[in-house]
């Protein structure tokens, strides 16, 4: 969905700072979808124990937490759009919480693999729903808000 909108608006002139806004709002959505796909592959692999999968969850979780801090800094640095509470919630806070939960899942995996598997599945679903929300939010912003701005200029 987001790819279609980006393709449709590709011919419109880019505003100064648009790339930084894309790094703050569009790129993380793609990252979340990729993490969900990777988690699905890890969950489906025929591991003999939960330890290799838990190691991957832990590493992904830590990388995700660091990435979300970068995303929050990019959200503050970009000047194209003023983020509202919902943006902070869905682009920074909820993804950070999901990645932190993945780290917790990796830590509890050796003692309770069933719970860890369920928690990791919940994290994957959370990131999927966050990604869907953010993609839809970006689409509606570009279709409605940007169009209104262009109509005012013309």
N, C-alpha and C. Protein backbone atom coordinates (compact mmCIF):
# COMPACT_ATOMS: atom_id res chain seq x y z
N UNK A 1 0.83 -1.17 0.00
CA UNK A 1 0.00 0.00 0.00
C UNK A 1 0.88 1.25 0.00
N UNK A 2 1.85 1.29 0.88
CA UNK A 2 2.72 2.45 0.97
C UNK A 2 3.53 2.60 -0.32
N UNK A 3 3.92 1.47 -0.92
CA UNK A 3 4.70 1.53 -2.16
C UNK A 3 3.87 2.17 -3.28
N UNK A 4 2.59 1.86 -3.32
CA UNK A 4 1.71 2.42 -4.35
C UNK A 4 1.63 3.93 -4.22
N UNK A 5 1.43 4.41 -3.00
CA UNK A 5 1.32 5.85 -2.78
C UNK A 5 2.64 6.54 -3.11
N UNK A 6 3.74 5.96 -2.70
CA UNK A 6 5.04 6.56 -3.00
C UNK A 6 5.24 6.64 -4.51
N UNK A 7 4.82 5.61 -5.23
CA UNK A 7 4.91 5.62 -6.69
C UNK A 7 4.03 6.71 -7.28
N UNK A 8 2.81 6.86 -6.76
CA UNK A 8 1.89 7.85 -7.29
C UNK A 8 2.34 9.28 -7.03
N UNK A 9 3.03 9.51 -5.91
CA UNK A 9 3.45 10.87 -5.59
C UNK A 9 4.89 11.14 -6.01
N UNK A 10 5.50 10.19 -6.72
CA UNK A 10 6.90 10.33 -7.08
C UNK A 10 7.17 11.56 -7.95
N UNK A 11 6.21 11.99 -8.74
CA UNK A 11 6.41 13.15 -9.62
C UNK A 11 6.17 14.49 -8.94
N UNK A 12 5.66 14.47 -7.72
CA UNK A 12 5.44 15.74 -7.04
C UNK A 12 6.77 16.26 -6.51
N UNK A 13 6.94 17.57 -6.49
CA UNK A 13 8.20 18.12 -6.01
C UNK A 13 8.42 17.80 -4.53
N UNK A 14 9.64 17.43 -4.19
CA UNK A 14 9.96 17.09 -2.81
C UNK A 14 10.22 18.37 -2.01
N UNK A 15 9.67 18.39 -0.82
CA UNK A 15 9.90 19.53 0.07
C UNK A 15 11.28 19.39 0.71
N UNK A 16 11.88 20.51 1.08
CA UNK A 16 13.16 20.42 1.79
C UNK A 16 12.98 19.58 3.06
N UNK A 17 13.87 18.66 3.30
CA UNK A 17 13.80 17.81 4.49
C UNK A 17 12.92 16.58 4.33
N UNK A 18 12.40 16.36 3.14
CA UNK A 18 11.50 15.23 2.90
C UNK A 18 12.20 13.89 3.16
N UNK A 19 13.48 13.79 2.81
CA UNK A 19 14.22 12.54 3.01
C UNK A 19 14.32 12.19 4.49
N UNK A 20 14.59 13.20 5.32
CA UNK A 20 14.68 12.95 6.76
C UNK A 20 13.33 12.52 7.32
N UNK A 21 12.25 13.11 6.82
CA UNK A 21 10.91 12.70 7.25
C UNK A 21 10.63 11.27 6.82
N UNK A 22 11.08 10.90 5.64
CA UNK A 22 10.92 9.52 5.18
C UNK A 22 11.68 8.55 6.06
N UNK A 23 12.89 8.95 6.47
CA UNK A 23 13.68 8.11 7.39
C UNK A 23 12.99 7.96 8.74
N UNK A 24 12.23 8.96 9.13
CA UNK A 24 11.56 8.92 10.42
C UNK A 24 10.23 8.17 10.38
N UNK A 25 9.52 8.26 9.25
CA UNK A 25 8.16 7.71 9.22
C UNK A 25 7.96 6.54 8.26
N UNK A 26 8.59 6.54 7.11
CA UNK A 26 8.36 5.47 6.13
C UNK A 26 9.28 4.28 6.32
N UNK A 27 10.56 4.53 6.47
CA UNK A 27 11.53 3.44 6.58
C UNK A 27 11.25 2.52 7.76
N UNK A 28 10.91 3.03 8.96
CA UNK A 28 10.63 2.11 10.07
C UNK A 28 9.49 1.14 9.78
N UNK A 29 8.51 1.56 9.01
CA UNK A 29 7.40 0.67 8.67
C UNK A 29 7.91 -0.53 7.89
N UNK A 30 8.79 -0.29 6.94
CA UNK A 30 9.37 -1.37 6.15
C UNK A 30 10.23 -2.26 7.05
N UNK A 31 10.98 -1.65 7.95
CA UNK A 31 11.81 -2.42 8.89
C UNK A 31 10.93 -3.34 9.73
N UNK A 32 9.81 -2.83 10.25
CA UNK A 32 8.93 -3.66 11.07
C UNK A 32 8.39 -4.84 10.28
N UNK A 33 7.98 -4.59 9.03
CA UNK A 33 7.48 -5.69 8.19
C UNK A 33 8.57 -6.73 7.96
N UNK A 34 9.80 -6.29 7.74
CA UNK A 34 10.91 -7.23 7.53
C UNK A 34 11.20 -8.03 8.79
N UNK A 35 11.13 -7.39 9.95
CA UNK A 35 11.35 -8.10 11.21
C UNK A 35 10.27 -9.16 11.42
N UNK A 36 9.03 -8.83 11.10
CA UNK A 36 7.94 -9.80 11.21
C UNK A 36 8.21 -11.00 10.31
N UNK A 37 8.63 -10.75 9.10
CA UNK A 37 8.95 -11.84 8.17
C UNK A 37 10.10 -12.68 8.69
N UNK A 38 11.13 -12.03 9.21
CA UNK A 38 12.27 -12.75 9.77
C UNK A 38 11.85 -13.58 10.98
N UNK A 39 11.04 -13.00 11.86
CA UNK A 39 10.56 -13.76 13.03
C UNK A 39 9.74 -14.97 12.61
N UNK A 40 8.94 -14.83 11.57
CA UNK A 40 8.16 -15.96 11.08
C UNK A 40 9.08 -17.08 10.61
N UNK A 41 10.13 -16.71 9.91
CA UNK A 41 11.10 -17.72 9.47
C UNK A 41 11.82 -18.39 10.63
N UNK A 42 12.21 -17.59 11.61
CA UNK A 42 12.90 -18.13 12.79
C UNK A 42 11.97 -19.06 13.55
N UNK A 43 10.71 -18.65 13.70
CA UNK A 43 9.74 -19.47 14.44
C UNK A 43 9.47 -20.80 13.73
N UNK A 44 9.56 -20.80 12.41
CA UNK A 44 9.24 -22.02 11.64
C UNK A 44 10.44 -22.94 11.45
N UNK A 45 11.62 -22.47 11.75
CA UNK A 45 12.82 -23.29 11.55
C UNK A 45 12.80 -24.49 12.51
N UNK A 46 13.30 -25.61 12.05
CA UNK A 46 13.28 -26.82 12.89
C UNK A 46 14.43 -26.87 13.89
N UNK A 47 14.41 -25.97 14.86
CA UNK A 47 15.46 -25.95 15.87
C UNK A 47 15.34 -27.18 16.78
N UNK A 48 16.45 -27.67 17.27
CA UNK A 48 16.42 -28.79 18.23
C UNK A 48 16.12 -28.30 19.63
N UNK A 49 16.51 -27.07 19.90
CA UNK A 49 16.19 -26.42 21.17
C UNK A 49 15.74 -24.99 20.87
N UNK A 50 15.25 -24.31 21.87
CA UNK A 50 14.80 -22.93 21.70
C UNK A 50 15.96 -21.94 21.75
N UNK A 51 17.12 -22.39 22.19
CA UNK A 51 18.25 -21.48 22.41
C UNK A 51 18.68 -20.69 21.17
N UNK A 52 18.85 -21.30 19.99
CA UNK A 52 19.26 -20.49 18.83
C UNK A 52 18.20 -19.43 18.46
N UNK A 53 16.94 -19.81 18.52
CA UNK A 53 15.88 -18.86 18.22
C UNK A 53 15.87 -17.73 19.25
N UNK A 54 16.04 -18.08 20.52
CA UNK A 54 16.06 -17.07 21.58
C UNK A 54 17.22 -16.10 21.40
N UNK A 55 18.35 -16.61 20.95
CA UNK A 55 19.49 -15.73 20.69
C UNK A 55 19.14 -14.73 19.60
N UNK A 56 18.51 -15.20 18.55
CA UNK A 56 18.10 -14.32 17.45
C UNK A 56 17.09 -13.29 17.95
N UNK A 57 16.11 -13.74 18.77
CA UNK A 57 15.12 -12.80 19.32
C UNK A 57 15.81 -11.71 20.13
N UNK A 58 16.75 -12.13 20.97
CA UNK A 58 17.46 -11.17 21.82
C UNK A 58 18.23 -10.14 21.01
N UNK A 59 18.97 -10.63 20.01
CA UNK A 59 19.75 -9.72 19.16
C UNK A 59 18.82 -8.78 18.40
N UNK A 60 17.76 -9.32 17.80
CA UNK A 60 16.79 -8.48 17.09
C UNK A 60 16.14 -7.46 18.02
N UNK A 61 15.83 -7.88 19.21
CA UNK A 61 15.21 -6.98 20.17
C UNK A 61 16.11 -5.81 20.54
N UNK A 62 17.37 -6.11 20.81
CA UNK A 62 18.32 -5.04 21.17
C UNK A 62 18.53 -4.10 19.98
N UNK A 63 18.73 -4.68 18.78
CA UNK A 63 18.90 -3.85 17.59
C UNK A 63 17.65 -3.00 17.36
N UNK A 64 16.48 -3.59 17.54
CA UNK A 64 15.23 -2.86 17.37
C UNK A 64 15.09 -1.71 18.36
N UNK A 65 15.48 -1.94 19.60
CA UNK A 65 15.40 -0.87 20.60
C UNK A 65 16.32 0.30 20.23
N UNK A 66 17.54 -0.03 19.82
CA UNK A 66 18.48 1.02 19.40
C UNK A 66 17.92 1.75 18.18
N UNK A 67 17.37 1.00 17.23
CA UNK A 67 16.80 1.60 16.03
C UNK A 67 15.64 2.54 16.38
N UNK A 68 14.82 2.16 17.33
CA UNK A 68 13.69 3.01 17.72
C UNK A 68 14.15 4.31 18.37
N UNK A 69 15.26 4.27 19.07
CA UNK A 69 15.83 5.52 19.61
C UNK A 69 16.26 6.42 18.46
N UNK A 70 16.88 5.82 17.44
CA UNK A 70 17.27 6.58 16.25
C UNK A 70 16.04 7.16 15.56
N UNK A 71 14.98 6.36 15.44
CA UNK A 71 13.74 6.82 14.81
C UNK A 71 13.17 8.01 15.59
N UNK A 72 13.15 7.93 16.91
CA UNK A 72 12.62 9.03 17.72
C UNK A 72 13.45 10.30 17.50
N UNK A 73 14.75 10.16 17.40
CA UNK A 73 15.61 11.33 17.15
C UNK A 73 15.33 11.90 15.76
N UNK A 74 15.10 11.03 14.78
CA UNK A 74 14.78 11.49 13.43
C UNK A 74 13.42 12.20 13.41
N UNK A 75 12.47 11.68 14.19
CA UNK A 75 11.16 12.33 14.26
C UNK A 75 11.29 13.75 14.80
N UNK A 76 12.17 13.94 15.77
CA UNK A 76 12.39 15.26 16.33
C UNK A 76 13.15 16.17 15.37
N UNK A 77 14.10 15.59 14.63
CA UNK A 77 14.97 16.39 13.77
C UNK A 77 14.28 16.87 12.49
N UNK A 78 13.37 16.07 11.96
CA UNK A 78 12.73 16.46 10.70
C UNK A 78 11.77 17.61 10.95
N UNK A 79 11.62 18.49 9.94
CA UNK A 79 10.80 19.69 10.10
C UNK A 79 9.63 19.73 9.11
N UNK A 80 9.43 18.65 8.34
CA UNK A 80 8.36 18.62 7.34
C UNK A 80 7.00 18.44 7.99
N UNK A 81 6.96 17.71 9.09
CA UNK A 81 5.69 17.36 9.72
C UNK A 81 5.88 17.42 11.23
N UNK A 82 4.92 17.99 11.93
CA UNK A 82 4.97 18.06 13.39
C UNK A 82 4.25 16.84 13.97
N UNK A 83 5.00 15.88 14.53
CA UNK A 83 4.37 14.67 15.05
C UNK A 83 3.42 14.98 16.21
N UNK A 84 2.29 14.28 16.21
CA UNK A 84 1.32 14.37 17.30
C UNK A 84 1.47 13.13 18.18
N UNK A 85 0.70 13.05 19.26
CA UNK A 85 0.83 11.93 20.19
C UNK A 85 0.71 10.58 19.50
N UNK A 86 -0.25 10.44 18.60
CA UNK A 86 -0.44 9.16 17.91
C UNK A 86 0.81 8.76 17.12
N UNK A 87 1.49 9.74 16.54
CA UNK A 87 2.73 9.45 15.81
C UNK A 87 3.80 8.94 16.76
N UNK A 88 3.97 9.60 17.89
CA UNK A 88 4.95 9.15 18.88
C UNK A 88 4.60 7.75 19.39
N UNK A 89 3.32 7.51 19.59
CA UNK A 89 2.88 6.22 20.09
C UNK A 89 3.19 5.10 19.10
N UNK A 90 2.80 5.27 17.83
CA UNK A 90 2.91 4.20 16.85
C UNK A 90 4.26 4.14 16.13
N UNK A 91 5.01 5.23 16.15
CA UNK A 91 6.30 5.22 15.46
C UNK A 91 7.47 5.05 16.41
N UNK A 92 7.27 5.29 17.69
CA UNK A 92 8.39 5.20 18.63
C UNK A 92 8.07 4.34 19.85
N UNK A 93 7.02 4.67 20.59
CA UNK A 93 6.78 3.99 21.87
C UNK A 93 6.37 2.52 21.72
N UNK A 94 5.34 2.25 20.92
CA UNK A 94 4.89 0.86 20.77
C UNK A 94 5.94 -0.04 20.12
N UNK A 95 6.62 0.42 19.05
CA UNK A 95 7.68 -0.44 18.50
C UNK A 95 8.80 -0.69 19.51
N UNK A 96 9.20 0.35 20.27
CA UNK A 96 10.23 0.17 21.28
C UNK A 96 9.79 -0.87 22.30
N UNK A 97 8.53 -0.77 22.74
CA UNK A 97 8.01 -1.75 23.71
C UNK A 97 8.00 -3.16 23.12
N UNK A 98 7.66 -3.27 21.84
CA UNK A 98 7.64 -4.59 21.20
C UNK A 98 9.05 -5.18 21.16
N UNK A 99 10.03 -4.38 20.77
CA UNK A 99 11.41 -4.88 20.71
C UNK A 99 11.94 -5.21 22.11
N UNK A 100 11.57 -4.41 23.10
CA UNK A 100 11.97 -4.70 24.48
C UNK A 100 11.34 -6.00 24.96
N UNK A 101 10.10 -6.23 24.58
CA UNK A 101 9.41 -7.47 24.94
C UNK A 101 10.08 -8.67 24.28
N UNK A 102 10.61 -8.47 23.08
CA UNK A 102 11.33 -9.55 22.40
C UNK A 102 12.59 -9.93 23.19
N UNK A 103 13.25 -8.94 23.77
CA UNK A 103 14.42 -9.21 24.61
C UNK A 103 13.99 -10.01 25.84
N UNK A 104 12.89 -9.62 26.45
CA UNK A 104 12.36 -10.35 27.61
C UNK A 104 12.05 -11.80 27.22
N UNK A 105 11.46 -11.97 26.05
CA UNK A 105 11.16 -13.32 25.56
C UNK A 105 12.42 -14.16 25.44
N UNK A 106 13.48 -13.56 24.94
CA UNK A 106 14.75 -14.28 24.80
C UNK A 106 15.30 -14.68 26.17
N UNK A 107 15.12 -13.81 27.15
CA UNK A 107 15.64 -14.08 28.49
C UNK A 107 14.86 -15.21 29.16
N UNK A 108 13.53 -15.25 28.98
CA UNK A 108 12.73 -16.29 29.65
C UNK A 108 12.71 -17.61 28.89
N UNK A 109 13.17 -17.61 27.64
CA UNK A 109 13.09 -18.80 26.80
C UNK A 109 13.73 -20.05 27.41
N UNK A 110 14.92 -19.97 28.01
CA UNK A 110 15.51 -21.20 28.57
C UNK A 110 14.69 -21.82 29.70
N UNK A 111 13.97 -20.98 30.45
CA UNK A 111 13.17 -21.50 31.57
C UNK A 111 11.76 -21.87 31.16
N UNK A 112 11.19 -21.16 30.18
CA UNK A 112 9.81 -21.39 29.80
C UNK A 112 9.65 -21.14 28.29
N UNK A 113 10.01 -22.13 27.51
CA UNK A 113 10.02 -21.95 26.06
C UNK A 113 8.63 -21.73 25.49
N UNK A 114 7.61 -22.37 26.08
CA UNK A 114 6.25 -22.17 25.57
C UNK A 114 5.82 -20.72 25.71
N UNK A 115 6.05 -20.14 26.87
CA UNK A 115 5.69 -18.74 27.09
C UNK A 115 6.49 -17.84 26.16
N UNK A 116 7.76 -18.13 25.99
CA UNK A 116 8.62 -17.31 25.12
C UNK A 116 8.13 -17.35 23.68
N UNK A 117 7.70 -18.51 23.22
CA UNK A 117 7.18 -18.63 21.86
C UNK A 117 5.90 -17.80 21.69
N UNK A 118 5.02 -17.86 22.67
CA UNK A 118 3.79 -17.06 22.60
C UNK A 118 4.09 -15.57 22.66
N UNK A 119 5.02 -15.18 23.50
CA UNK A 119 5.38 -13.76 23.61
C UNK A 119 5.99 -13.26 22.30
N UNK A 120 6.85 -14.06 21.71
CA UNK A 120 7.46 -13.67 20.44
C UNK A 120 6.42 -13.59 19.33
N UNK A 121 5.47 -14.49 19.32
CA UNK A 121 4.37 -14.42 18.34
C UNK A 121 3.55 -13.14 18.56
N UNK A 122 3.32 -12.79 19.82
CA UNK A 122 2.58 -11.55 20.12
C UNK A 122 3.38 -10.33 19.66
N UNK A 123 4.69 -10.36 19.82
CA UNK A 123 5.53 -9.26 19.35
C UNK A 123 5.43 -9.14 17.83
N UNK A 124 5.50 -10.28 17.14
CA UNK A 124 5.40 -10.25 15.67
C UNK A 124 4.06 -9.66 15.24
N UNK A 125 2.99 -10.09 15.87
CA UNK A 125 1.67 -9.53 15.54
C UNK A 125 1.60 -8.04 15.85
N UNK A 126 2.18 -7.64 16.97
CA UNK A 126 2.19 -6.22 17.33
C UNK A 126 2.91 -5.40 16.27
N UNK A 127 4.10 -5.86 15.86
CA UNK A 127 4.85 -5.13 14.83
C UNK A 127 4.10 -5.12 13.50
N UNK A 128 3.41 -6.20 13.20
CA UNK A 128 2.61 -6.25 11.97
C UNK A 128 1.48 -5.21 12.03
N UNK A 129 0.75 -5.19 13.13
CA UNK A 129 -0.35 -4.22 13.27
C UNK A 129 0.17 -2.78 13.31
N UNK A 130 1.30 -2.57 13.97
CA UNK A 130 1.91 -1.23 13.99
C UNK A 130 2.29 -0.82 12.57
N UNK A 131 2.88 -1.74 11.83
CA UNK A 131 3.26 -1.45 10.45
C UNK A 131 2.06 -1.14 9.57
N UNK A 132 1.00 -1.91 9.73
CA UNK A 132 -0.22 -1.66 8.96
C UNK A 132 -0.79 -0.28 9.32
N UNK A 133 -0.86 0.02 10.60
CA UNK A 133 -1.36 1.33 11.04
C UNK A 133 -0.51 2.45 10.44
N UNK A 134 0.80 2.32 10.53
CA UNK A 134 1.68 3.38 10.06
C UNK A 134 1.62 3.54 8.54
N UNK A 135 1.50 2.43 7.83
CA UNK A 135 1.37 2.50 6.37
C UNK A 135 0.07 3.20 6.00
N UNK A 136 -1.01 2.84 6.67
CA UNK A 136 -2.30 3.47 6.39
C UNK A 136 -2.26 4.95 6.75
N UNK A 137 -1.64 5.28 7.86
CA UNK A 137 -1.52 6.66 8.29
C UNK A 137 -0.74 7.47 7.25
N UNK A 138 0.34 6.92 6.73
CA UNK A 138 1.13 7.61 5.71
C UNK A 138 0.33 7.79 4.43
N UNK A 139 -0.42 6.77 4.05
CA UNK A 139 -1.24 6.86 2.83
C UNK A 139 -2.27 7.97 2.97
N UNK A 140 -2.99 7.97 4.07
CA UNK A 140 -4.03 8.99 4.24
C UNK A 140 -3.42 10.38 4.34
N UNK A 141 -2.26 10.50 4.96
CA UNK A 141 -1.60 11.80 5.04
C UNK A 141 -1.26 12.32 3.64
N UNK A 142 -0.64 11.46 2.84
CA UNK A 142 -0.23 11.89 1.50
C UNK A 142 -1.43 12.14 0.58
N UNK A 143 -2.45 11.33 0.70
CA UNK A 143 -3.60 11.48 -0.18
C UNK A 143 -4.44 12.69 0.22
N UNK A 144 -4.72 12.85 1.49
CA UNK A 144 -5.64 13.90 1.91
C UNK A 144 -4.93 15.20 2.32
N UNK A 145 -3.98 15.14 3.22
CA UNK A 145 -3.34 16.36 3.71
C UNK A 145 -2.50 17.02 2.63
N UNK A 146 -1.69 16.27 1.96
CA UNK A 146 -0.84 16.84 0.91
C UNK A 146 -1.69 17.38 -0.23
N UNK A 147 -2.75 16.68 -0.59
CA UNK A 147 -3.61 17.14 -1.69
C UNK A 147 -4.26 18.47 -1.30
N UNK A 148 -4.72 18.59 -0.05
CA UNK A 148 -5.32 19.84 0.41
C UNK A 148 -4.31 20.98 0.32
N UNK A 149 -3.06 20.69 0.69
CA UNK A 149 -2.02 21.71 0.63
C UNK A 149 -1.76 22.13 -0.82
N UNK A 150 -1.76 21.16 -1.74
CA UNK A 150 -1.53 21.47 -3.15
C UNK A 150 -2.71 22.26 -3.73
N UNK A 151 -3.92 21.91 -3.32
CA UNK A 151 -5.11 22.64 -3.80
C UNK A 151 -5.08 24.09 -3.35
N UNK A 152 -4.58 24.36 -2.15
CA UNK A 152 -4.49 25.73 -1.64
C UNK A 152 -3.48 26.54 -2.44
N UNK A 153 -2.39 25.88 -2.86
CA UNK A 153 -1.34 26.56 -3.61
C UNK A 153 -1.83 26.92 -5.00
N UNK A 154 -2.59 26.05 -5.62
CA UNK A 154 -3.09 26.28 -6.98
C UNK A 154 -4.18 27.28 -6.92
